[in-house]
Protein backbone atom coordinates (compact mmCIF):
# COMPACT_ATOMS: atom_id res chain seq x y z
CA MET A 1 -0.80 -63.90 -27.75
CA GLY A 2 2.56 -63.38 -29.73
CA LEU A 3 3.27 -60.54 -30.68
CA ASP A 4 3.93 -60.34 -35.25
CA ASP A 5 6.92 -58.94 -36.60
CA ARG A 6 5.79 -55.33 -36.95
CA LYS A 7 4.65 -55.16 -33.75
CA LEU A 8 8.05 -56.28 -31.82
CA ALA A 9 9.68 -53.28 -34.35
CA VAL A 10 7.40 -51.07 -33.23
CA LEU A 11 8.18 -52.01 -29.37
CA ARG A 12 12.03 -52.00 -30.39
CA ALA A 13 11.85 -48.62 -31.62
CA ILE A 14 9.77 -47.32 -28.69
CA VAL A 15 12.36 -48.57 -26.17
CA GLU A 16 15.54 -46.84 -28.57
CA ASP A 17 14.00 -43.62 -28.64
CA TYR A 18 13.20 -43.57 -25.15
CA VAL A 19 16.61 -44.71 -23.32
CA ALA A 20 18.12 -42.09 -25.92
CA THR A 21 15.73 -39.25 -25.90
CA GLN A 22 14.32 -39.59 -21.99
CA GLU A 23 11.16 -38.46 -23.52
CA PRO A 24 7.16 -40.73 -23.65
CA VAL A 25 7.44 -41.62 -28.04
CA GLY A 26 4.67 -40.61 -30.27
CA SER A 27 3.30 -42.30 -33.64
CA LYS A 28 4.01 -39.76 -35.46
CA THR A 29 7.35 -39.62 -34.14
CA LEU A 30 8.19 -43.44 -34.83
CA VAL A 31 7.54 -43.38 -37.96
CA GLU A 32 10.01 -40.29 -38.44
CA ARG A 33 13.01 -41.78 -36.96
CA HIS A 34 12.12 -45.04 -38.28
CA GLN A 35 11.82 -47.10 -40.81
CA LEU A 36 8.93 -48.96 -39.98
CA GLY A 37 7.64 -48.87 -43.60
CA VAL A 38 3.76 -48.06 -42.43
CA SER A 39 1.45 -45.69 -41.82
CA PRO A 40 0.74 -43.91 -38.94
CA ALA A 41 -2.20 -45.00 -38.50
CA THR A 42 -1.04 -48.84 -38.34
CA VAL A 43 1.90 -48.04 -35.90
CA ARG A 44 -1.18 -46.36 -33.60
CA ASN A 45 -3.33 -49.25 -34.27
CA ASP A 46 -0.27 -51.48 -32.87
CA MET A 47 0.78 -48.75 -30.30
CA ALA A 48 -2.53 -50.23 -28.51
CA VAL A 49 -2.41 -53.24 -29.00
CA LEU A 50 0.86 -53.21 -27.23
CA GLU A 51 -1.07 -51.31 -24.39
CA GLU A 52 -3.16 -53.48 -24.07
CA GLU A 53 -0.86 -56.53 -23.83
CA GLY A 54 0.81 -54.48 -21.49
CA TYR A 55 4.19 -53.96 -23.29
CA ILE A 56 3.95 -50.29 -23.10
CA ARG A 57 1.49 -47.38 -20.83
CA GLN A 58 0.95 -44.08 -21.33
CA PRO A 59 2.84 -42.02 -18.30
CA HIS A 60 0.36 -39.08 -18.49
CA THR A 61 -1.48 -37.10 -20.41
CA SER A 62 0.96 -37.18 -23.31
CA ALA A 63 0.52 -38.46 -26.51
CA GLY A 64 3.91 -40.08 -26.39
CA ARG A 65 4.32 -43.69 -24.63
CA VAL A 66 7.14 -45.94 -22.30
CA PRO A 67 7.90 -48.92 -21.96
CA THR A 68 6.91 -50.75 -19.15
CA ASP A 69 8.95 -53.87 -17.40
CA ARG A 70 7.14 -56.13 -19.50
CA GLY A 71 8.20 -54.65 -22.60
CA TYR A 72 11.47 -54.15 -22.00
CA ARG A 73 12.15 -58.26 -20.74
CA LEU A 74 10.10 -59.04 -23.89
CA PHE A 75 13.08 -56.25 -25.96
CA VAL A 76 16.09 -57.94 -24.01
CA ASP A 77 15.18 -61.16 -24.81
CA ARG A 78 14.66 -61.02 -28.32
CA LEU A 79 17.54 -58.72 -28.65
CA SER A 80 19.04 -60.15 -32.43
CA ARG A 81 22.55 -58.91 -31.42
CA ILE A 82 24.99 -57.35 -29.04
CA LYS A 83 25.65 -53.90 -29.41
CA PRO A 84 29.61 -54.04 -30.52
CA LEU A 85 32.32 -52.83 -29.39
CA SER A 86 34.21 -50.00 -30.86
CA PRO A 87 37.91 -50.63 -31.45
CA ALA A 88 38.01 -47.68 -29.01
CA GLU A 89 36.36 -48.70 -26.13
CA ARG A 90 38.64 -51.62 -26.08
CA ARG A 91 41.56 -50.41 -26.24
CA ALA A 92 40.16 -48.09 -23.41
CA ILE A 93 39.12 -50.88 -21.28
CA GLU A 94 42.73 -52.75 -21.82
CA ARG A 95 44.78 -49.69 -21.41
CA PHE A 96 42.53 -49.15 -18.41
CA LEU A 97 43.10 -52.94 -16.95
CA VAL A 98 46.71 -53.78 -17.81
CA GLY A 99 48.86 -51.42 -15.48
CA ALA A 100 46.65 -52.52 -12.48
CA VAL A 101 49.71 -53.93 -9.94
CA ASP A 102 47.74 -55.99 -7.75
CA LEU A 103 44.02 -57.43 -7.07
CA ASP A 104 42.49 -54.22 -5.27
CA ASP A 105 44.05 -52.28 -8.29
CA VAL A 106 42.08 -54.62 -10.58
CA VAL A 107 39.07 -54.10 -8.76
CA HIS A 108 39.47 -50.69 -8.25
CA ARG A 109 40.08 -49.98 -11.92
CA THR A 110 37.17 -52.48 -13.04
CA VAL A 111 34.66 -50.70 -10.77
CA ARG A 112 35.83 -47.46 -12.44
CA LEU A 113 36.04 -48.22 -16.05
CA LEU A 114 32.21 -49.84 -15.54
CA ALA A 115 30.93 -47.19 -14.08
CA GLN A 116 32.75 -44.53 -16.40
CA LEU A 117 31.56 -46.81 -19.76
CA THR A 118 27.99 -47.88 -18.95
CA ARG A 119 27.19 -44.41 -17.17
CA GLN A 120 25.27 -47.01 -14.46
CA VAL A 121 26.34 -47.66 -10.95
CA ALA A 122 28.80 -50.32 -10.74
CA VAL A 123 29.32 -53.08 -8.73
CA VAL A 124 32.23 -55.46 -8.54
CA GLN A 125 32.49 -58.63 -6.33
CA TYR A 126 35.96 -59.10 -4.77
CA PRO A 127 36.81 -62.44 -5.97
CA SER A 128 35.33 -64.99 -3.28
CA LEU A 129 37.64 -66.95 -0.97
CA ALA A 130 34.86 -69.69 -0.86
CA ARG A 131 35.45 -70.63 -4.53
CA SER A 132 39.72 -69.28 -4.64
CA LYS A 133 42.75 -71.97 -4.32
CA VAL A 134 45.60 -71.62 -1.97
CA ARG A 135 48.79 -69.90 -3.92
CA HIS A 136 51.09 -70.32 -0.87
CA LEU A 137 51.59 -69.61 3.09
CA GLU A 138 53.92 -67.54 4.47
CA LEU A 139 54.58 -67.90 8.08
CA VAL A 140 56.78 -64.48 8.99
CA PRO A 141 58.59 -64.11 12.59
CA ILE A 142 57.47 -61.22 14.84
CA SER A 143 58.83 -63.05 17.79
CA THR A 144 59.59 -66.09 19.31
CA THR A 145 56.24 -66.63 20.47
CA ARG A 146 54.25 -64.85 17.73
CA LEU A 147 53.86 -65.53 13.95
CA MET A 148 51.81 -63.90 11.28
CA VAL A 149 49.94 -66.08 8.80
CA VAL A 150 50.26 -64.63 4.98
CA MET A 151 47.27 -66.48 2.72
CA ILE A 152 47.67 -65.95 -1.36
CA ALA A 153 45.07 -67.06 -2.71
CA ASP A 154 45.45 -68.10 -6.60
CA THR A 155 42.77 -65.28 -7.57
CA GLY A 156 45.19 -62.27 -5.69
CA ARG A 157 43.61 -62.17 -2.64
CA VAL A 158 45.71 -61.78 0.61
CA GLU A 159 44.24 -62.95 4.01
CA GLN A 160 46.65 -61.99 6.96
CA ARG A 161 46.49 -63.08 10.38
CA LEU A 162 48.42 -62.76 13.85
CA VAL A 163 49.42 -66.39 15.82
CA GLU A 164 50.07 -66.10 19.52
CA LEU A 165 52.20 -69.30 20.03
CA PRO A 166 52.40 -71.08 23.08
CA ALA A 167 56.01 -71.33 23.60
CA PRO A 168 58.84 -69.92 22.06
CA VAL A 169 59.65 -71.33 18.98
CA PRO A 170 63.25 -71.45 16.64
CA ALA A 171 64.17 -70.09 13.82
CA ASP A 172 64.47 -73.70 12.33
CA ASP A 173 61.38 -74.70 13.41
CA VAL A 174 59.64 -71.56 11.74
CA THR A 175 61.22 -72.91 8.59
CA ASP A 176 59.49 -76.64 9.08
CA LEU A 177 55.40 -75.49 9.76
CA ARG A 178 56.54 -73.14 6.74
CA ARG A 179 56.85 -76.33 4.92
CA LEU A 180 54.48 -78.54 6.12
CA VAL A 181 51.78 -76.20 5.88
CA ASN A 182 52.50 -75.50 2.05
CA GLU A 183 53.12 -78.71 1.09
CA LYS A 184 49.55 -79.78 2.69
CA LEU A 185 47.79 -76.66 1.38
CA VAL A 186 49.09 -75.40 -1.79
CA GLY A 187 46.74 -76.11 -4.85
CA SER A 188 43.25 -76.86 -2.38
CA GLN A 189 39.93 -75.21 -2.35
CA LEU A 190 40.06 -73.56 0.19
CA ALA A 191 36.74 -75.09 1.43
CA GLU A 192 38.14 -78.37 1.00
CA THR A 193 41.19 -77.54 3.83
CA PRO A 194 39.75 -78.50 6.68
CA PRO A 195 40.76 -82.08 7.08
CA LEU A 196 44.23 -81.47 5.67
CA VAL A 197 44.63 -78.64 8.12
CA GLN A 198 43.53 -81.49 10.83
CA ALA A 199 46.26 -84.17 9.16
CA LEU A 200 48.84 -81.64 9.83
CA VAL A 201 48.20 -81.41 13.69
CA ASP A 202 47.88 -85.31 13.63
CA GLU A 203 51.34 -86.02 11.45
CA SER A 204 53.88 -83.35 13.38
CA ALA A 205 56.07 -84.13 15.24
CA PRO A 206 56.08 -84.15 18.40
CA ARG A 207 58.41 -80.51 19.16
CA LEU A 208 56.17 -78.42 16.15
CA ARG A 209 52.70 -80.13 17.95
CA PRO A 210 51.72 -77.37 20.29
CA ALA A 211 52.90 -74.89 17.88
CA MET A 212 50.64 -76.60 15.01
CA THR A 213 47.67 -76.86 16.96
CA THR A 214 47.81 -73.15 17.52
CA LEU A 215 48.31 -72.68 14.19
CA SER A 216 45.84 -75.07 12.69
CA THR A 217 43.23 -72.73 14.41
CA VAL A 218 44.14 -69.64 12.85
CA LEU A 219 44.70 -71.55 9.70
CA LEU A 220 41.04 -72.92 9.22
CA GLU A 221 39.80 -69.22 10.55
CA THR A 222 42.15 -67.59 7.70
CA LEU A 223 41.15 -70.34 5.11
CA VAL A 224 37.02 -71.36 6.00
CA GLU A 225 36.20 -69.82 9.09
CA ARG A 226 36.22 -65.98 7.81
CA HIS A 227 34.71 -66.02 4.02
CA GLU A 228 33.82 -61.34 4.11
CA GLU A 229 32.64 -61.28 0.67
CA ARG A 230 34.06 -57.83 -0.35
CA LEU A 231 32.79 -55.35 -3.18
CA ALA A 232 34.20 -52.31 -5.12
CA LEU A 233 30.89 -49.81 -6.14
CA ALA A 234 31.45 -46.36 -8.47
CA GLY A 235 29.24 -44.34 -10.44
CA GLN A 236 26.25 -43.87 -7.97
CA ALA A 237 26.42 -40.07 -9.29
CA ASN A 238 25.20 -41.36 -12.40
CA LEU A 239 22.07 -42.20 -10.84
CA THR A 240 20.79 -38.66 -11.51
CA ARG A 241 21.27 -38.24 -14.72
CA GLY A 242 18.14 -39.41 -15.44
CA GLY A 243 14.58 -38.26 -16.66
CA LEU A 244 11.89 -37.99 -13.72
CA LEU A 245 10.36 -40.76 -14.51
CA ASP A 246 13.25 -43.23 -13.69
CA PHE A 247 12.91 -44.74 -10.43
CA GLN A 248 9.91 -43.89 -9.98
CA GLY A 249 10.50 -40.26 -9.61
CA SER A 250 12.85 -41.25 -5.75
CA LEU A 251 16.26 -42.16 -5.72
CA ARG A 252 16.17 -43.22 -1.51
CA PRO A 253 15.12 -47.07 -2.49
CA VAL A 254 17.84 -47.21 -4.50
CA LEU A 255 20.50 -45.34 -2.68
CA GLU A 256 19.44 -47.28 0.71
CA ALA A 257 19.71 -50.55 -1.75
CA LEU A 258 23.37 -50.10 -2.58
CA GLU A 259 24.15 -49.42 1.19
CA GLU A 260 23.16 -53.13 1.75
CA GLU A 261 26.56 -55.18 0.98
CA VAL A 262 24.15 -58.40 1.39
CA VAL A 263 22.09 -57.14 -1.39
CA LEU A 264 24.27 -56.33 -3.61
CA LEU A 265 26.28 -59.82 -3.42
CA LYS A 266 23.03 -61.41 -4.19
CA LEU A 267 22.20 -58.80 -6.96
CA ILE A 268 25.77 -59.75 -8.75
CA GLY A 269 27.76 -62.40 -6.84
CA GLU A 270 25.35 -65.73 -8.25
CA THR A 271 25.56 -65.46 -11.78
CA GLU A 272 26.08 -68.96 -13.48
CA PRO A 273 29.30 -69.12 -15.78
CA SER A 274 29.33 -67.38 -19.46
CA THR A 275 25.65 -66.09 -18.63
CA THR A 276 24.43 -62.26 -18.30
CA ARG A 277 21.22 -62.11 -16.37
CA VAL A 278 19.52 -59.04 -16.83
CA LEU A 279 16.94 -58.15 -13.90
CA ILE A 280 14.57 -55.65 -14.39
CA GLY A 281 12.27 -53.36 -12.26
CA ASP A 282 9.28 -55.82 -10.72
CA GLU A 283 11.96 -59.28 -10.92
CA ASN A 284 13.98 -57.52 -8.53
CA GLU A 285 13.25 -59.56 -5.15
CA VAL A 286 14.55 -56.33 -3.15
CA ASP A 287 11.66 -53.89 -2.95
CA ASN A 288 13.86 -50.98 -2.88
CA LEU A 289 14.93 -51.97 -6.69
CA ARG A 290 11.67 -52.80 -7.87
CA ALA A 291 12.12 -49.68 -9.96
CA ALA A 292 15.87 -50.30 -11.24
CA SER A 293 17.21 -52.81 -13.97
CA VAL A 294 21.01 -54.91 -12.91
CA VAL A 295 23.10 -56.29 -15.38
CA SER A 296 25.92 -58.89 -13.99
CA THR A 297 28.03 -61.93 -14.81
CA GLY A 298 30.83 -63.74 -13.30
CA TYR A 299 34.11 -63.34 -14.35
CA GLY A 300 37.22 -65.52 -13.34
CA PRO A 301 40.18 -66.96 -14.66
CA GLY A 302 39.41 -69.71 -17.68
CA SER A 303 36.25 -71.73 -17.02
CA THR A 304 36.70 -70.72 -13.11
CA ILE A 305 34.37 -68.12 -12.04
CA VAL A 306 35.34 -66.40 -8.95
CA GLY A 307 33.41 -63.24 -8.34
CA GLY A 308 30.74 -61.44 -10.10
CA LEU A 309 30.45 -57.91 -11.60
CA GLY A 310 27.25 -55.95 -12.98
CA VAL A 311 25.40 -52.70 -13.40
CA LEU A 312 22.39 -51.37 -12.05
CA GLY A 313 20.42 -48.12 -13.05
CA PRO A 314 16.71 -46.49 -14.50
CA THR A 315 14.99 -49.34 -16.43
CA ARG A 316 14.95 -46.90 -18.97
CA MET A 317 19.27 -48.33 -19.85
CA ASP A 318 20.66 -49.24 -23.09
CA TYR A 319 20.47 -52.88 -22.51
CA PRO A 320 22.78 -53.97 -25.60
CA GLY A 321 25.17 -51.46 -24.72
CA ASN A 322 25.61 -52.55 -21.40
CA ILE A 323 25.69 -56.42 -22.05
CA ALA A 324 28.29 -56.17 -24.40
CA MET A 325 30.53 -53.70 -22.07
CA VAL A 326 29.64 -55.76 -18.70
CA ARG A 327 30.31 -59.19 -20.60
CA ALA A 328 33.52 -57.50 -22.00
CA VAL A 329 34.89 -55.71 -18.76
CA ALA A 330 34.41 -59.51 -17.03
CA ARG A 331 36.63 -61.36 -19.92
CA TYR A 332 39.10 -59.34 -19.57
CA VAL A 333 39.70 -59.13 -15.78
CA GLY A 334 39.33 -63.49 -16.43
CA GLU A 335 42.21 -62.81 -18.90
CA LEU A 336 44.04 -60.44 -16.64
CA LEU A 337 43.66 -62.91 -13.64
CA ALA A 338 44.84 -65.74 -15.58
CA GLN A 339 48.23 -63.82 -16.94
CA ASN A 340 49.23 -63.56 -13.29
């Protein structure tokens, strides 16, 4: 059965109080703290219905109640407004991110900022090479038989590889190779480059073909085959700030899950464009995170999503505040990438 507005207001008050105090919430406290407009007896009846429906539970013999995963889910789904950022928070985000000097700096500043603002564990995925385009390819001669290939993606990701050439290549030929690979590949999605790389070999002048053949193997490795997705993590110490009921009394499963990059990428790297995903407790597919909640979204320049970011913490988290913060930071990072 659906809950009426009054019972939803009681549930909302229980969630807000429990998040703020870490203490189970009783009917007397609710009536004192919130303008519910009804008697304590009515609130007790409403709480009995909420408990029967599985939205709140009694953690031990105390008179108070705490929200269940189902209660948090209803609270999040019925959020009428996301907590707006204060001018001070907006300035802090802008100031913190605007001084970044390169992509590594952007990612590390972002993950530290998210952890500080939300007091949760923050996770930021580096821009995914699979979603990037080639901005520039540089060929740097190390010797007459050795080149350094430097690939710069439009998201700022930089990949470097060494190429051992089959025979000495004069400087003029290196210039020609550089021009040819840039003409052919700049602006292309990395995932779409294999046929273009093959065409480079087929279309090369005979004198360049041996070098281009070797170079093409390394280019394919750089552009397509070695998509090592990278993550930055911050704020693990925030996990210890909570109460006894957080994480069902044990941090170890959560800490073990945070060691697994594949798990974290699945959590934050699969977010659809312009949506914020909230996974609560048992909604997490990862067993070790069944006592945690994750708020995540995608980020990137304009409408292009190149990576994910988010926060992870106890199910007893400030959902309106964390959703607002994750969205705002993602927007600022996207604008920063668009400018650069």
